[in-house]
Amino acid sequence: MKLNRAITRTAGISLAVVAVFAAAPVQATDEPKTSNRKFEQLDKNRDGFLTREELRHARDYGRAFGEADENRDGKLDAGECIKAEAIYDRIVAGRYVEDSVVTAKVKAALLKEPALKSLDVSVETLRGEVLLSGFVKDEGQKQRAMKAAGTVNGVVSVKDALVVR
């Protein structure tokens, strides 16, 4: 019962986040002044185009740049920039949802541990790295929690911030 409730709640939150981020590209095209201002700020050499070099500071922007560069000239004009922003926002939202799914799976794995009070353990995930925090009764519970989290598909690493009471 607890497991179903936790998964349902996490899934609901994930869907809400996706809905918010999915709506963001539509808003961006409705406000060309904001997009033009951002484009102008990013266009360091003021040539009317954005290059990969001008966007090198934007982390993980390469994929969005490649997909938005419709004419494959290695530059983005103002229209392509708006498309790149929408693609990038979807990529970021997708990462958030992936982390939410990993968090839900780890919480489910902790609930399955019979000797562990999993409600006293918090789980946070960022890019597949899981942080377990909270309180456990003894060192054995701590080790079981760490092991259970580490076996979940999608977990890159598990960091321990658990406190033995």
Protein backbone atom coordinates (compact mmCIF):
# COMPACT_ATOMS: atom_id res chain seq x y z
CA MET A 1 0.00 0.00 0.00
CA LYS A 2 2.76 2.44 0.98
CA LEU A 3 4.75 1.49 -2.11
CA ASN A 4 1.82 2.18 -4.46
CA ARG A 5 1.14 5.52 -2.79
CA ALA A 6 4.80 6.61 -3.04
CA ILE A 7 5.07 5.61 -6.70
CA THR A 8 1.72 7.23 -7.58
CA ARG A 9 2.71 10.46 -5.84
CA THR A 10 6.12 10.59 -7.56
CA ALA A 11 4.55 9.82 -10.94
CA GLY A 12 2.01 12.61 -10.43
CA ILE A 13 4.73 15.11 -9.56
CA SER A 14 6.77 14.00 -12.56
CA LEU A 15 3.83 14.46 -14.92
CA ALA A 16 3.16 17.93 -13.51
CA VAL A 17 6.78 18.93 -14.09
CA VAL A 18 6.70 17.62 -17.64
CA ALA A 19 3.51 19.58 -18.32
CA VAL A 20 5.08 22.80 -17.04
CA PHE A 21 8.25 22.36 -19.09
CA ALA A 22 6.36 21.22 -22.18
CA ALA A 23 4.37 24.47 -22.10
CA ALA A 24 7.53 26.60 -21.85
CA PRO A 25 8.41 26.48 -25.59
CA VAL A 26 4.94 27.75 -26.51
CA GLN A 27 5.34 30.70 -24.18
CA ALA A 28 8.76 31.51 -25.65
CA THR A 29 7.36 31.87 -29.19
CA ASP A 30 4.55 34.11 -27.93
CA GLU A 31 7.07 36.60 -26.52
CA PRO A 32 9.54 37.46 -29.30
CA LYS A 33 10.88 40.53 -27.44
CA THR A 34 12.17 38.36 -24.59
CA SER A 35 13.68 35.85 -27.02
CA ASN A 36 15.25 38.60 -29.12
CA ARG A 37 16.77 40.16 -26.01
CA LYS A 38 18.29 36.84 -25.01
CA PHE A 39 19.51 36.26 -28.57
CA GLU A 40 21.14 39.69 -28.60
CA GLN A 41 22.86 39.00 -25.27
CA LEU A 42 24.23 35.69 -26.51
CA ASP A 43 25.37 37.13 -29.88
CA LYS A 44 28.73 38.37 -28.58
CA ASN A 45 30.14 39.46 -31.95
CA ARG A 46 26.85 41.08 -33.05
CA ASP A 47 26.80 39.33 -36.43
CA GLY A 48 23.16 38.23 -36.13
CA PHE A 49 24.03 34.57 -35.60
CA LEU A 50 25.01 32.34 -32.70
CA THR A 51 27.89 29.93 -33.08
CA ARG A 52 28.84 26.96 -30.92
CA GLU A 53 31.74 29.07 -29.68
CA GLU A 54 29.37 31.79 -28.45
CA LEU A 55 27.30 29.15 -26.64
CA ARG A 56 30.19 27.10 -25.22
CA HIS A 57 29.41 28.40 -21.70
CA ALA A 58 25.90 26.87 -21.84
CA ARG A 59 26.25 23.37 -20.44
CA ASP A 60 24.82 20.51 -22.56
CA TYR A 61 23.61 22.89 -25.28
CA GLY A 62 25.30 21.01 -28.13
CA ARG A 63 22.43 18.63 -28.88
CA ALA A 64 19.88 21.46 -28.92
CA PHE A 65 22.17 23.47 -31.20
CA GLY A 66 22.52 20.57 -33.64
CA GLU A 67 18.80 19.91 -33.84
CA ALA A 68 17.84 23.58 -34.19
CA ASP A 69 20.39 24.35 -36.94
CA GLU A 70 17.90 23.60 -39.73
CA ASN A 71 20.05 24.79 -42.63
CA ARG A 72 23.16 23.06 -41.22
CA ASP A 73 25.36 26.13 -41.59
CA GLY A 74 26.86 25.81 -38.10
CA LYS A 75 25.09 28.97 -36.92
CA LEU A 76 21.73 29.79 -35.35
CA ASP A 77 19.68 32.76 -36.47
CA ALA A 78 17.06 34.28 -34.14
CA GLY A 79 14.35 31.81 -35.21
CA GLU A 80 16.62 28.81 -34.83
CA CYS A 81 17.65 30.14 -31.42
CA ILE A 82 14.04 30.02 -30.23
CA LYS A 83 13.81 26.43 -31.44
CA ALA A 84 17.11 25.57 -29.70
CA GLU A 85 15.80 27.03 -26.42
CA ALA A 86 12.67 24.89 -26.65
CA ILE A 87 14.70 21.75 -27.35
CA TYR A 88 17.09 22.53 -24.51
CA ASP A 89 14.19 23.07 -22.07
CA ARG A 90 12.77 19.66 -23.02
CA ILE A 91 16.18 18.02 -22.48
CA VAL A 92 16.44 19.57 -19.02
CA ALA A 93 12.88 18.49 -18.16
CA GLY A 94 13.63 14.97 -19.36
CA ARG A 95 16.63 14.77 -17.03
CA TYR A 96 14.47 15.89 -14.13
CA VAL A 97 11.88 13.21 -14.87
CA GLU A 98 14.59 10.54 -15.15
CA ASP A 99 15.89 11.53 -11.72
CA SER A 100 12.35 11.41 -10.32
CA VAL A 101 11.91 7.88 -11.65
CA VAL A 102 15.21 6.78 -10.08
CA THR A 103 14.14 8.35 -6.77
CA ALA A 104 10.83 6.46 -6.88
CA LYS A 105 12.59 3.18 -7.64
CA VAL A 106 15.04 3.68 -4.77
CA LYS A 107 12.18 4.49 -2.37
CA ALA A 108 10.39 1.34 -3.52
CA ALA A 109 13.55 -0.72 -2.95
CA LEU A 110 13.85 0.74 0.55
CA LEU A 111 10.20 -0.07 1.31
CA LYS A 112 10.89 -3.70 0.37
CA GLU A 113 13.62 -3.93 3.02
CA PRO A 114 11.78 -5.59 5.94
CA ALA A 115 14.10 -4.51 8.76
CA LEU A 116 14.40 -0.89 7.62
CA LYS A 117 12.16 2.01 8.63
CA SER A 118 12.27 3.49 5.16
CA LEU A 119 10.05 6.45 6.03
CA ASP A 120 12.94 7.81 8.11
CA VAL A 121 15.23 7.78 5.04
CA SER A 122 15.12 10.59 2.46
CA VAL A 123 16.18 10.02 -1.13
CA GLU A 124 17.40 12.70 -3.52
CA THR A 125 18.69 12.11 -7.04
CA LEU A 126 20.69 14.30 -9.40
CA ARG A 127 21.89 12.87 -12.71
CA GLY A 128 21.65 9.36 -11.33
CA GLU A 129 23.62 10.12 -8.18
CA VAL A 130 21.52 9.19 -5.16
CA LEU A 131 21.87 10.78 -1.72
CA LEU A 132 20.42 8.88 1.22
CA SER A 133 19.86 10.92 4.36
CA GLY A 134 17.91 10.56 7.56
CA PHE A 135 18.04 8.23 10.52
CA VAL A 136 18.52 4.48 10.92
CA LYS A 137 18.64 2.29 14.04
CA ASP A 138 22.02 0.67 13.52
CA GLU A 139 24.94 0.20 11.13
CA GLY A 140 23.26 -2.90 9.64
CA GLN A 141 20.24 -0.87 8.53
CA LYS A 142 22.57 1.72 7.05
CA GLN A 143 24.37 -0.93 5.00
CA ARG A 144 21.08 -2.52 3.84
CA ALA A 145 19.79 0.87 2.71
CA MET A 146 22.99 1.63 0.80
CA LYS A 147 22.97 -1.81 -0.82
CA ALA A 148 19.27 -1.61 -1.78
CA ALA A 149 19.77 1.82 -3.38
CA GLY A 150 22.85 0.66 -5.26
CA THR A 151 21.02 -2.22 -6.93
CA VAL A 152 18.41 0.02 -8.57
CA ASN A 153 18.66 0.41 -12.34
CA GLY A 154 19.67 3.97 -13.24
CA VAL A 155 21.66 4.65 -10.07
CA VAL A 156 25.15 5.84 -10.92
CA SER A 157 26.39 6.16 -7.33
CA VAL A 158 25.02 6.27 -3.79
CA LYS A 159 26.18 8.85 -1.28
CA ASP A 160 25.70 8.23 2.41
CA ALA A 161 24.35 10.94 4.72
CA LEU A 162 22.52 8.51 7.02
CA VAL A 163 22.85 8.94 10.77
CA VAL A 164 22.75 6.03 13.20
CA ARG A 165 20.55 6.94 16.21
